[in-house]
């Protein structure tokens, strides 16, 4: 496992110490989790950006074809019991 040394501004160090106490984690574990979370979010944002770029490249004809194709799946899935906000 690699080692990382960094300097923190006093306010950020105070916030880190507060989080350590609240979460009952070691400094290393909390920072490791924060980095993992950041990298997962970064990967997600990059994937979304790629999808947006691909969607923007679609011609109106491509868009119309996709809508037509998606209509065949309408009603295939019910989300009534799952309480999803994006229904």
Foldseek 3Di string as FASTA:
>chain_A
DDDDDDDDDPVVVVVLVVVCVVVVHDSVVVVVVVVVVVVVVVVVVVVVVVVVVVVVPDDPVNVVVVVVVVVVCPPVDDCVVVPDPVD
